[in-house]
């Protein structure tokens, strides 16, 4: 483990611009860290920056182009913050399970770089609250972006979205219909899913996303 970051180093880290719309500071907020007074600081800032840059460029910027503002609810967790959350039943998996995910300055057990963040697509919140049609967003992302895992939650349409050098391509949900929507090997994995998100909202988002990707 590297020595604890100085204030100056933390200030510099927060100002690192990962992509046009995101800075590293966007990834550091943690209720566990704030409430329990546990610093949420990466052990290996350069690894965290590299991983977060891939995440922003490949997932968050395309989503921003398609839908507008993306709010990050939970992203980076230091090993200390995550371990505390796991030990106290605060909805954190073990450190080992979160390497290459929320603890993204550590590679996963297979050596792959990765990032996971819990995000909210602001423009989708009202539609989600009215319909609870989370599979529409899930299939839209599945068909258009190089994600690794999506996990959907009941509040605000928030979902975990991850990127990995070794992507799983696995979608599951805590919202009804709960469980696994798809993963490699399932019959629906490679199907045409466009009918699942054939609404004016997603058609417009698809047009904006195609324009962004073709730029």
Protein backbone atom coordinates (compact mmCIF):
# COMPACT_ATOMS: atom_id res chain seq x y z
CA UNK A 1 0.00 0.00 0.00
CA UNK A 2 1.23 3.48 -0.77
CA UNK A 3 1.50 6.06 1.96
CA UNK A 4 -1.58 8.12 2.76
CA UNK A 5 -2.23 10.90 0.27
CA UNK A 6 -1.39 14.41 1.39
CA UNK A 7 -4.07 17.08 1.16
CA UNK A 8 -2.26 18.59 -1.82
CA UNK A 9 -2.15 15.21 -3.58
CA UNK A 10 -5.85 14.60 -2.90
CA UNK A 11 -6.73 18.06 -4.21
CA UNK A 12 -4.71 17.33 -7.36
CA UNK A 13 -6.34 13.92 -7.78
CA UNK A 14 -9.83 15.39 -7.59
CA UNK A 15 -8.99 17.80 -10.41
CA UNK A 16 -7.92 15.06 -12.83
CA UNK A 17 -10.19 15.31 -15.86
CA UNK A 18 -11.14 11.80 -16.94
CA UNK A 19 -13.27 12.83 -19.93
CA UNK A 20 -15.08 15.98 -21.10
CA UNK A 21 -17.86 15.71 -18.49
CA UNK A 22 -16.22 13.91 -15.55
CA UNK A 23 -13.46 14.55 -13.04
CA UNK A 24 -12.01 12.08 -10.57
CA UNK A 25 -13.65 13.98 -7.71
CA UNK A 26 -17.03 12.83 -9.07
CA UNK A 27 -16.09 9.28 -8.08
CA UNK A 28 -14.94 9.89 -4.50
CA UNK A 29 -18.14 10.69 -2.60
CA UNK A 30 -19.17 8.02 -0.09
CA UNK A 31 -21.85 8.14 2.62
CA UNK A 32 -19.95 5.46 4.54
CA UNK A 33 -16.78 7.51 4.37
CA UNK A 34 -18.49 10.75 5.37
CA UNK A 35 -20.69 9.39 8.15
CA UNK A 36 -18.15 7.07 9.73
CA UNK A 37 -15.08 9.25 9.17
CA UNK A 38 -13.11 6.75 7.08
CA UNK A 39 -11.02 8.42 4.36
CA UNK A 40 -12.00 7.26 0.90
CA UNK A 41 -8.58 7.51 -0.73
CA UNK A 42 -7.10 5.21 -3.37
CA UNK A 43 -3.95 3.29 -2.50
CA UNK A 44 -2.79 3.46 -6.13
CA UNK A 45 -4.08 6.69 -7.71
CA UNK A 46 -2.51 6.07 -11.13
CA UNK A 47 -4.32 2.72 -11.47
CA UNK A 48 -7.59 4.30 -10.33
CA UNK A 49 -7.21 7.12 -12.88
CA UNK A 50 -6.48 4.68 -15.70
CA UNK A 51 -9.51 2.53 -14.87
CA UNK A 52 -11.85 5.49 -14.39
CA UNK A 53 -10.73 7.04 -17.67
CA UNK A 54 -11.73 3.89 -19.56
CA UNK A 55 -15.05 3.85 -17.70
CA UNK A 56 -15.88 7.44 -18.55
CA UNK A 57 -14.80 7.25 -22.17
CA UNK A 58 -16.52 3.96 -22.95
CA UNK A 59 -19.67 4.19 -20.83
CA UNK A 60 -20.45 7.50 -19.12
CA UNK A 61 -19.71 9.82 -22.04
CA UNK A 62 -21.84 7.81 -24.50
CA UNK A 63 -24.65 7.68 -21.93
CA UNK A 64 -24.37 11.43 -21.42
CA UNK A 65 -24.58 11.97 -25.17
CA UNK A 66 -27.69 9.77 -25.33
CA UNK A 67 -29.58 10.89 -22.21
CA UNK A 68 -28.03 14.05 -20.79
CA UNK A 69 -26.86 14.38 -17.19
CA UNK A 70 -25.71 11.25 -15.38
CA UNK A 71 -25.56 11.36 -11.56
CA UNK A 72 -23.01 9.17 -9.80
CA UNK A 73 -24.37 7.87 -6.48
CA UNK A 74 -21.56 5.52 -5.49
CA UNK A 75 -18.32 4.77 -7.28
CA UNK A 76 -14.84 4.42 -5.79
CA UNK A 77 -14.48 2.79 -2.38
CA UNK A 78 -11.15 2.44 -0.67
CA UNK A 79 -10.43 -1.02 0.74
CA UNK A 80 -10.97 0.43 4.22
CA UNK A 81 -14.35 1.97 3.35
CA UNK A 82 -15.54 -1.12 1.52
CA UNK A 83 -14.41 -3.49 4.27
CA UNK A 84 -16.27 -1.43 6.88
CA UNK A 85 -19.40 -1.48 4.70
CA UNK A 86 -19.15 -5.23 4.25
CA UNK A 87 -18.55 -5.95 7.94
CA UNK A 88 -21.48 -3.75 9.01
CA UNK A 89 -24.07 -4.89 6.42
CA UNK A 90 -24.03 -1.61 4.48
CA UNK A 91 -24.61 -3.18 1.07
CA UNK A 92 -20.95 -3.74 0.23
CA UNK A 93 -19.62 -7.03 -1.08
CA UNK A 94 -16.27 -8.29 0.21
CA UNK A 95 -13.09 -6.51 -0.84
CA UNK A 96 -12.10 -9.51 -2.96
CA UNK A 97 -15.41 -9.37 -4.82
CA UNK A 98 -15.06 -5.60 -5.36
CA UNK A 99 -11.51 -5.57 -6.72
CA UNK A 100 -11.85 -4.41 -10.31
CA UNK A 101 -15.28 -3.04 -9.42
CA UNK A 102 -15.87 -0.43 -6.70
CA UNK A 103 -12.25 -0.83 -5.54
CA UNK A 104 -10.86 0.07 -8.91
CA UNK A 105 -7.25 0.76 -7.98
CA UNK A 106 -6.93 -3.02 -7.51
CA UNK A 107 -7.31 -5.48 -10.39
CA UNK A 108 -9.72 -8.39 -10.03
CA UNK A 109 -8.69 -11.98 -9.26
CA UNK A 110 -7.97 -12.59 -12.95
CA UNK A 111 -5.80 -9.48 -13.28
CA UNK A 112 -8.36 -7.40 -15.17
CA UNK A 113 -8.77 -3.66 -14.70
CA UNK A 114 -12.33 -2.58 -14.01
CA UNK A 115 -14.72 -0.03 -12.52
CA UNK A 116 -18.23 -0.19 -11.10
CA UNK A 117 -20.39 2.79 -10.21
CA UNK A 118 -24.00 3.21 -9.16
CA UNK A 119 -25.52 5.76 -11.49
CA UNK A 120 -28.82 7.52 -12.16
CA UNK A 121 -29.89 8.58 -15.65
CA UNK A 122 -31.64 11.79 -14.60
CA UNK A 123 -33.89 12.10 -17.66
CA UNK A 124 -35.15 8.53 -17.14
CA UNK A 125 -36.17 8.82 -13.47
CA UNK A 126 -39.79 9.90 -14.04
CA UNK A 127 -40.33 7.32 -16.78
CA UNK A 128 -38.87 4.59 -14.59
CA UNK A 129 -40.96 5.60 -11.59
CA UNK A 130 -44.11 5.46 -13.72
CA UNK A 131 -43.43 2.19 -15.54
CA UNK A 132 -40.71 0.33 -13.58
CA UNK A 133 -39.62 -0.88 -17.01
CA UNK A 134 -35.98 -1.36 -16.13
CA UNK A 135 -35.39 -3.98 -18.87
CA UNK A 136 -35.77 -1.22 -21.49
CA UNK A 137 -32.67 0.58 -20.19
CA UNK A 138 -30.85 -2.69 -19.61
CA UNK A 139 -31.36 -3.91 -23.18
CA UNK A 140 -30.56 -0.49 -24.65
CA UNK A 141 -27.17 -0.50 -22.92
CA UNK A 142 -26.63 -4.18 -23.75
CA UNK A 143 -27.12 -3.50 -27.45
CA UNK A 144 -25.05 -0.33 -27.67
CA UNK A 145 -22.24 -0.18 -25.10
CA UNK A 146 -19.31 -2.34 -23.87
CA UNK A 147 -20.53 -2.84 -20.31
CA UNK A 148 -19.57 -5.74 -18.04
CA UNK A 149 -22.37 -5.91 -15.42
CA UNK A 150 -25.68 -4.10 -14.89
CA UNK A 151 -27.60 -4.43 -11.60
CA UNK A 152 -30.88 -2.49 -11.20
CA UNK A 153 -32.36 -1.13 -7.95
CA UNK A 154 -35.85 0.11 -7.00
CA UNK A 155 -35.07 3.74 -6.12
CA UNK A 156 -34.71 6.37 -8.86
CA UNK A 157 -33.98 3.70 -11.45
CA UNK A 158 -30.44 3.61 -10.11
CA UNK A 159 -28.23 0.81 -11.33
CA UNK A 160 -24.74 -0.50 -10.99
CA UNK A 161 -22.91 -0.23 -14.29
CA UNK A 162 -19.47 -1.70 -14.68
CA UNK A 163 -16.71 -1.80 -17.26
CA UNK A 164 -13.96 -4.42 -17.31
CA UNK A 165 -11.06 -5.51 -19.47
CA UNK A 166 -12.70 -8.94 -19.15
CA UNK A 167 -16.44 -8.14 -19.47
CA UNK A 168 -19.08 -10.50 -18.09
CA UNK A 169 -22.06 -9.13 -20.07
CA UNK A 170 -24.39 -10.03 -17.21
CA UNK A 171 -27.62 -8.18 -16.27
CA UNK A 172 -29.68 -8.73 -13.11
CA UNK A 173 -32.14 -6.75 -11.02
CA UNK A 174 -33.71 -6.28 -7.59
CA UNK A 175 -36.73 -4.71 -9.31
CA UNK A 176 -39.52 -6.97 -10.56
CA UNK A 177 -39.11 -9.01 -12.66
CA UNK A 178 -36.16 -9.63 -10.34
CA UNK A 179 -33.28 -11.95 -11.06
CA UNK A 180 -31.06 -12.48 -14.07
CA UNK A 181 -32.18 -10.89 -17.33
CA UNK A 182 -29.33 -12.24 -19.42
CA UNK A 183 -25.80 -13.60 -19.31
CA UNK A 184 -23.63 -15.45 -21.82
CA UNK A 185 -25.18 -18.77 -22.74
CA UNK A 186 -28.77 -17.71 -22.26
CA UNK A 187 -30.98 -17.95 -25.34
CA UNK A 188 -31.80 -14.23 -25.26
CA UNK A 189 -28.23 -12.99 -25.03
CA UNK A 190 -27.59 -12.40 -28.73
CA UNK A 191 -31.17 -11.72 -29.85
CA UNK A 192 -32.50 -8.53 -31.43
CA UNK A 193 -33.71 -6.59 -28.38
CA UNK A 194 -34.77 -3.37 -30.09
CA UNK A 195 -38.48 -4.05 -29.53
CA UNK A 196 -37.82 -3.96 -25.78
CA UNK A 197 -36.97 -0.25 -25.90
CA UNK A 198 -39.04 0.89 -28.87
CA UNK A 199 -40.40 4.07 -27.27
CA UNK A 200 -40.03 7.74 -28.24
CA UNK A 201 -37.67 8.26 -25.27
CA UNK A 202 -35.26 5.51 -26.29
CA UNK A 203 -35.57 6.12 -30.04
CA UNK A 204 -34.44 9.72 -29.51
CA UNK A 205 -31.64 8.55 -27.21
CA UNK A 206 -30.52 6.05 -29.83
CA UNK A 207 -30.31 8.74 -32.49
CA UNK A 208 -28.19 10.95 -30.22
CA UNK A 209 -25.96 8.03 -29.30
CA UNK A 210 -25.39 7.04 -32.92
CA UNK A 211 -24.46 10.64 -33.77
CA UNK A 212 -21.98 10.65 -30.87
CA UNK A 213 -20.41 7.31 -31.82
CA UNK A 214 -20.18 8.29 -35.51
CA UNK A 215 -18.62 11.69 -34.86
